[in-house]
Protein backbone atom coordinates (compact mmCIF):
# COMPACT_ATOMS: atom_id res chain seq x y z
CA MET A 1 21.57 -25.61 -27.67
CA ASP A 2 23.50 -22.53 -26.39
CA GLN A 3 21.37 -19.75 -25.39
CA TYR A 4 22.48 -16.05 -25.83
CA VAL A 5 20.73 -12.88 -24.58
CA VAL A 6 21.49 -9.26 -23.84
CA TYR A 7 21.85 -8.89 -20.16
CA ARG A 8 22.62 -5.54 -18.54
CA GLY A 9 23.61 -4.15 -21.92
CA VAL A 10 26.11 -6.82 -23.03
CA TYR A 11 25.91 -10.09 -24.83
CA CYS A 12 25.80 -13.06 -22.64
CA GLN A 13 25.63 -16.95 -22.76
CA VAL A 14 22.95 -18.33 -20.44
CA TYR A 15 23.72 -21.48 -18.62
CA GLU A 16 22.27 -23.29 -15.57
CA HIS A 17 24.47 -23.78 -12.61
CA GLY A 18 23.23 -25.40 -9.40
CA TRP A 19 19.91 -24.84 -7.64
CA ARG A 20 18.09 -21.98 -5.90
CA VAL A 21 15.77 -23.08 -2.74
CA LYS A 22 13.28 -21.16 -1.15
CA GLU A 23 11.62 -22.14 2.05
CA TRP A 24 8.71 -20.31 3.66
CA ARG A 25 7.17 -21.15 7.09
CA SER A 26 4.29 -19.87 8.97
CA PRO A 27 5.17 -19.86 12.64
CA GLN A 28 1.38 -19.21 13.67
CA THR A 29 -0.07 -22.25 11.77
CA GLY A 30 2.98 -24.53 10.80
CA GLN A 31 2.43 -24.19 6.95
CA LEU A 32 5.51 -25.06 5.01
CA GLU A 33 6.29 -24.32 1.29
CA LEU A 34 9.64 -25.69 -0.21
CA MET A 35 10.54 -24.76 -3.77
CA ALA A 36 13.70 -25.31 -5.86
CA TRP A 37 14.55 -24.30 -9.52
CA LYS A 38 17.47 -24.38 -11.74
CA LYS A 39 19.68 -21.25 -11.20
CA ARG A 40 20.37 -19.15 -14.21
CA CYS A 41 23.76 -17.54 -14.76
CA TYR A 42 24.92 -15.21 -17.37
CA GLU A 43 28.48 -15.30 -18.66
CA PRO A 44 29.55 -12.11 -20.73
CA LEU A 45 31.06 -12.97 -24.13
CA LEU A 46 34.60 -12.04 -24.81
CA ASP A 47 35.40 -9.69 -27.74
CA SER A 48 38.17 -10.25 -30.41
CA ASP A 49 40.98 -8.98 -27.74
CA GLY A 50 39.72 -11.41 -25.15
CA PHE A 51 38.04 -8.68 -22.87
CA GLU A 52 34.69 -9.44 -21.33
CA GLY A 53 31.58 -7.56 -22.14
CA VAL A 54 30.70 -7.26 -25.92
CA ALA A 55 28.27 -4.17 -25.64
CA ALA A 56 25.03 -4.66 -27.55
CA PRO A 57 24.02 -1.81 -29.89
CA GLN A 58 21.37 0.35 -28.57
CA VAL A 59 18.82 0.92 -31.47
CA ASP A 60 15.64 2.78 -30.75
CA GLN A 61 12.85 0.57 -32.34
CA SER A 62 10.03 2.04 -30.29
CA ASP A 63 8.15 3.22 -33.49
CA THR A 64 8.68 -0.07 -35.41
CA LEU A 65 6.12 -3.04 -35.26
CA LEU A 66 8.88 -5.11 -33.71
CA GLY A 67 9.42 -2.51 -31.01
CA GLN A 68 5.80 -2.48 -30.33
CA GLN A 69 5.55 -6.18 -30.15
CA ARG A 70 8.47 -6.33 -27.87
CA GLU A 71 6.99 -3.51 -25.47
CA ALA A 72 3.74 -5.54 -25.55
CA GLU A 73 5.45 -8.78 -24.42
CA ARG A 74 7.28 -6.88 -21.90
CA LYS A 75 4.06 -5.40 -20.34
CA LYS A 76 2.64 -8.68 -20.44
CA ARG A 77 5.64 -10.40 -18.51
CA ALA A 78 5.39 -7.56 -15.93
CA ALA A 79 1.60 -8.27 -15.38
CA GLU A 80 2.01 -11.99 -15.10
CA LYS A 81 4.82 -11.33 -12.68
CA SER A 82 2.83 -8.97 -10.65
CA ALA A 83 -0.16 -11.42 -10.62
CA ALA A 84 2.08 -14.19 -9.27
CA ARG A 85 3.50 -12.07 -6.59
CA ALA A 86 -0.06 -11.00 -5.63
CA LYS A 87 -1.24 -14.57 -5.58
CA ARG A 88 1.81 -15.65 -3.41
CA THR A 89 1.22 -12.89 -0.98
CA CYS A 90 -2.41 -13.55 -0.61
CA ARG A 91 -1.72 -17.23 -0.13
CA HIS A 92 0.84 -16.59 2.63
CA ARG A 93 -1.43 -14.18 4.44
CA ILE A 94 -4.22 -16.63 4.58
CA LYS A 95 -2.16 -19.30 5.78
CA SER A 96 -0.46 -17.10 8.55
CA ALA A 97 -3.92 -15.96 9.66
CA GLY A 98 -5.51 -19.45 9.51
CA ALA A 99 -8.47 -17.89 7.95
CA SER A 100 -11.01 -20.88 7.42
CA SER A 101 -14.07 -19.28 6.14
CA LEU A 102 -14.98 -17.28 2.98
CA LEU A 103 -17.22 -14.24 3.21
CA THR A 104 -18.97 -12.92 0.26
CA CYS A 105 -20.77 -9.42 0.03
CA THR A 106 -23.13 -8.74 -2.74
CA TYR A 107 -25.38 -5.89 -4.04
CA ARG A 108 -28.90 -6.33 -5.27
CA GLU A 109 -28.71 -3.26 -7.52
CA ASN A 110 -26.36 -3.43 -10.42
CA MET A 111 -23.63 -1.47 -8.74
CA THR A 112 -20.75 -0.72 -11.06
CA ASP A 113 -18.87 2.05 -9.33
CA PHE A 114 -15.47 0.47 -8.15
CA ASP A 115 -14.80 3.54 -5.87
CA ARG A 116 -18.21 3.19 -3.92
CA ALA A 117 -17.46 -0.73 -3.49
CA ARG A 118 -14.26 0.06 -1.85
CA ARG A 119 -15.84 2.75 0.41
CA ASP A 120 -18.71 0.51 1.44
CA TRP A 121 -16.19 -2.43 2.37
CA ALA A 122 -14.10 0.02 4.20
CA ALA A 123 -16.98 1.11 6.22
CA TYR A 124 -18.07 -2.54 6.66
CA LEU A 125 -14.72 -3.39 7.99
CA ARG A 126 -14.61 -0.51 10.51
CA LYS A 127 -18.12 -1.73 11.91
CA LEU A 128 -16.75 -5.36 11.87
CA ARG A 129 -13.56 -4.72 13.71
CA ARG A 130 -15.42 -2.46 16.31
CA ALA A 131 -17.85 -5.29 16.86
CA ILE A 132 -15.23 -8.17 16.90
CA PRO A 133 -11.87 -6.88 18.08
CA GLY A 134 -9.10 -8.50 16.16
CA PHE A 135 -11.22 -9.44 13.28
CA ARG A 136 -9.07 -10.23 10.29
CA ALA A 137 -9.50 -10.64 6.49
CA VAL A 138 -7.98 -11.08 3.17
CA TYR A 139 -10.32 -9.66 0.62
CA ALA A 140 -10.69 -8.78 -3.13
CA PHE A 141 -13.16 -7.23 -5.38
CA GLU A 142 -14.68 -9.11 -8.25
CA GLN A 143 -16.73 -7.78 -11.06
CA GLN A 144 -19.52 -9.90 -12.38
CA ASP A 145 -20.37 -10.27 -16.04
CA ARG A 146 -23.17 -7.78 -15.63
CA GLY A 147 -20.76 -5.32 -14.36
CA ALA A 148 -21.82 -5.33 -10.64
CA TRP A 149 -19.01 -5.35 -8.04
CA HIS A 150 -18.98 -7.64 -5.01
CA VAL A 151 -16.42 -8.59 -2.40
CA HIS A 152 -15.04 -11.99 -1.39
CA ALA A 153 -12.99 -12.48 1.83
CA ALA A 154 -11.07 -15.12 3.74
CA ILE A 155 -11.83 -14.44 7.39
CA ASP A 156 -11.15 -16.11 10.72
CA LYS A 157 -13.66 -18.79 11.82
CA LEU A 158 -16.40 -17.05 13.87
CA PRO A 159 -18.22 -18.30 16.93
CA LYS A 160 -21.89 -19.40 16.17
CA HIS A 161 -23.24 -16.75 18.06
CA LEU A 162 -22.16 -13.25 19.07
CA ASP A 163 -23.04 -10.99 22.09
CA THR A 164 -24.17 -7.54 20.90
CA VAL A 165 -25.88 -4.55 22.36
CA HIS A 166 -29.09 -5.96 20.85
CA GLY A 167 -28.61 -9.42 22.55
CA ARG A 168 -27.30 -12.66 21.45
CA VAL A 169 -27.59 -13.25 17.76
CA ARG A 170 -26.25 -15.68 15.24
CA SER A 171 -22.88 -14.54 13.74
CA TRP A 172 -23.95 -14.75 10.17
CA ASP A 173 -27.00 -12.87 10.66
CA PHE A 174 -24.98 -10.22 12.51
CA LEU A 175 -22.69 -9.68 9.69
CA ARG A 176 -25.70 -9.37 7.27
CA ARG A 177 -27.07 -6.79 9.47
CA LEU A 178 -23.91 -4.71 9.18
CA TRP A 179 -23.62 -5.07 5.65
CA HIS A 180 -27.41 -3.74 5.29
CA SER A 181 -26.35 -0.74 7.66
CA VAL A 182 -23.86 0.31 5.04
CA VAL A 183 -25.81 -0.55 1.56
CA GLY A 184 -29.22 -0.60 2.73
CA ALA A 185 -31.55 -3.19 3.98
CA ASP A 186 -32.85 -4.21 0.43
CA ASN A 187 -29.84 -3.65 -1.43
CA GLY A 188 -27.59 -6.64 -0.71
CA ASN A 189 -26.72 -9.95 1.16
CA ILE A 190 -23.82 -11.69 2.71
CA ASP A 191 -22.82 -15.42 2.63
CA VAL A 192 -20.47 -17.21 4.99
CA ASP A 193 -19.07 -20.63 3.69
CA GLY A 194 -16.89 -22.63 6.12
CA HIS A 195 -16.12 -25.13 3.40
CA LEU A 196 -17.89 -27.86 5.57
CA LYS A 197 -19.47 -30.88 4.29
CA THR A 198 -22.36 -33.00 5.83
CA ARG A 199 -21.64 -36.70 6.67
CA HIS A 200 -24.06 -38.98 4.98
CA GLY A 201 -26.53 -36.25 4.66
CA MET A 202 -27.22 -36.17 8.32
CA PRO A 203 -27.62 -32.47 9.88
CA GLY A 204 -25.18 -31.56 12.35
CA LYS A 205 -22.79 -34.00 11.30
CA PHE A 206 -19.54 -32.68 9.72
CA ARG A 207 -16.33 -34.19 8.33
CA ALA A 208 -13.04 -32.50 9.29
CA ALA A 209 -12.63 -29.10 7.49
CA GLU A 210 -10.63 -28.95 4.28
CA SER A 211 -7.04 -28.21 4.69
CA LEU A 212 -6.02 -24.76 5.36
CA ALA A 213 -3.18 -24.97 2.61
CA LYS A 214 -5.72 -26.22 0.00
CA LEU A 215 -8.20 -23.48 1.10
CA ALA A 216 -5.42 -20.78 0.97
CA GLY A 217 -4.51 -22.18 -2.46
CA TYR A 218 -8.07 -22.06 -3.80
CA VAL A 219 -8.98 -18.62 -2.29
CA SER A 220 -5.77 -16.92 -3.34
CA LYS A 221 -6.24 -17.96 -6.97
CA TYR A 222 -9.83 -16.98 -6.68
CA LEU A 223 -9.08 -13.60 -5.41
CA THR A 224 -6.34 -12.59 -7.74
CA LYS A 225 -7.62 -14.23 -10.78
CA ASP A 226 -8.47 -10.74 -12.43
CA HIS A 227 -5.38 -8.95 -11.08
CA GLU A 228 -3.67 -8.83 -14.45
CA SER A 229 -6.65 -7.18 -16.07
CA GLY A 230 -7.45 -5.07 -13.18
CA ILE A 231 -7.94 -1.26 -13.09
CA PRO A 232 -4.54 0.30 -13.76
CA GLY A 233 -3.01 1.75 -10.64
CA ARG A 234 -5.83 0.34 -8.40
CA ASN A 235 -5.58 -2.53 -5.97
CA ARG A 236 -8.43 -5.04 -6.30
CA TRP A 237 -7.43 -6.98 -3.19
CA GLY A 238 -5.78 -6.57 0.29
CA SER A 239 -6.08 -7.42 3.91
CA THR A 240 -6.56 -6.08 7.37
CA GLN A 241 -3.79 -5.19 9.83
CA GLY A 242 -2.70 -7.77 12.25
CA ILE A 243 -1.70 -10.60 9.91
CA GLU A 244 2.14 -11.13 10.43
CA VAL A 245 3.79 -13.06 7.38
CA SER A 246 7.39 -14.38 7.77
CA LYS A 247 9.75 -13.90 5.08
CA PRO A 248 11.17 -16.85 3.01
CA VAL A 249 14.88 -18.02 3.39
CA VAL A 250 16.64 -18.46 0.15
CA ILE A 251 19.87 -20.37 -0.35
CA ASP A 252 21.92 -21.52 -3.30
CA LEU A 253 23.04 -25.13 -3.77
CA PRO A 254 25.64 -26.58 -6.16
CA GLU A 255 24.78 -28.65 -9.17
CA MET A 256 23.38 -32.05 -8.50
CA PRO A 257 20.79 -34.47 -9.70
CA LEU A 258 17.22 -33.51 -8.75
CA ALA A 259 16.73 -36.81 -6.82
CA GLU A 260 19.97 -35.88 -4.69
CA LEU A 261 18.57 -32.36 -4.20
CA VAL A 262 15.37 -33.77 -2.79
CA GLY A 263 17.24 -35.73 -0.27
CA VAL A 264 19.62 -32.93 0.77
CA ALA A 265 17.24 -29.94 0.83
CA PHE A 266 13.69 -31.25 1.52
CA GLU A 267 12.21 -33.23 4.63
CA VAL A 268 8.54 -33.40 5.64
CA PRO A 269 8.55 -32.25 9.40
CA ASP A 270 7.09 -34.84 11.76
CA GLY A 271 3.39 -34.79 12.06
CA HIS A 272 2.99 -32.93 8.67
CA ARG A 273 1.03 -34.25 5.67
CA ILE A 274 1.96 -33.56 2.08
CA VAL A 275 -0.75 -31.25 0.47
CA ARG A 276 0.91 -30.47 -2.86
CA HIS A 277 3.89 -31.96 -4.63
CA SER A 278 4.95 -31.44 -8.27
CA VAL A 279 7.94 -31.71 -10.40
CA GLY A 280 8.43 -29.23 -13.45
CA LYS A 281 9.26 -29.91 -16.97
CA PHE A 282 12.62 -31.62 -17.55
CA GLY A 283 13.10 -31.79 -13.85
CA LYS A 284 14.02 -27.85 -13.60
CA PHE A 285 11.51 -27.02 -10.76
CA TRP A 286 10.48 -29.06 -7.64
CA MET A 287 7.81 -27.93 -5.28
CA LEU A 288 6.45 -29.38 -1.84
CA TYR A 289 3.71 -27.88 0.33
CA THR A 290 2.95 -29.54 3.84
CA GLU A 291 0.89 -28.74 6.81
CA PRO A 292 0.22 -30.17 10.32
CA GLY A 293 -1.53 -33.46 9.91
CA GLU A 294 -4.42 -32.98 12.29
CA ALA A 295 -7.44 -31.17 10.95
CA PRO A 296 -8.60 -27.99 12.52
CA PHE A 297 -11.55 -29.78 14.05
CA SER A 298 -13.29 -33.15 13.77
CA GLY A 299 -15.81 -35.15 15.65
CA HIS A 300 -19.66 -35.55 15.64
CA GLU A 301 -20.64 -32.08 16.78
CA ALA A 302 -21.26 -29.35 14.57
CA PRO A 303 -18.29 -26.97 14.67
CA GLU A 304 -18.68 -23.22 15.02
CA ILE A 305 -19.17 -21.02 11.83
């Protein structure tokens, strides 16, 4: 069925012609994302004299029910696109940083002030970056059902112990002390989850860490899940400085069957494993995520936090 829309003020026929391919790579961690989708083209309709560009009438329907419905749909699509961009940017930053741990900072009190949560987190980050030079994090603020705010952050894998002015301490204990110095000793806690699993229930024995690509996908979805319904004009997620993210490369390819496109445009690099692979409805979209095949660490010794 032919599809006609108003595009840039004129009636156009929509048709699919060729493929648009996007490739994103992380030089730091070797992560690879490949995507392809049908390229949409808009061909202006001809008027009765054979001239292109049949102008669509401009009718103000802002005060009508139809106009209000269209405006609501427009805002919804814009919010969905914004959330998708946030999720993609968040995922790329985590993959580029190689952040393999998840830090959660909570309040004991029912702290419902978003501005205070941002101030406390900013103060906490300053203390962390002074104590651990080069510390990096991709973080987000989440509101619990009771209304209290807390913070989740994907962070670099920390050493088991840190040398401080007070001596050698366990890293998770040091992070908790810093958080208490900001919010009060009896007013919060932290949790550092390295996404590790014990082997056969034996303490000190660990499997290889979950893949960075899967972790980044999980965390980015988790950190941006409330992006659409967030506070207007206020960012509910961000990252520290020092995380360099490469730009994707986009190319257009001519019309061809999807199977042929896969053979032409996509290749799993040597030493990589496939993390995610999917084909969209009616074969109009194709996606492949890969990463270096070796896990970040393995063996019988307990890794650092």
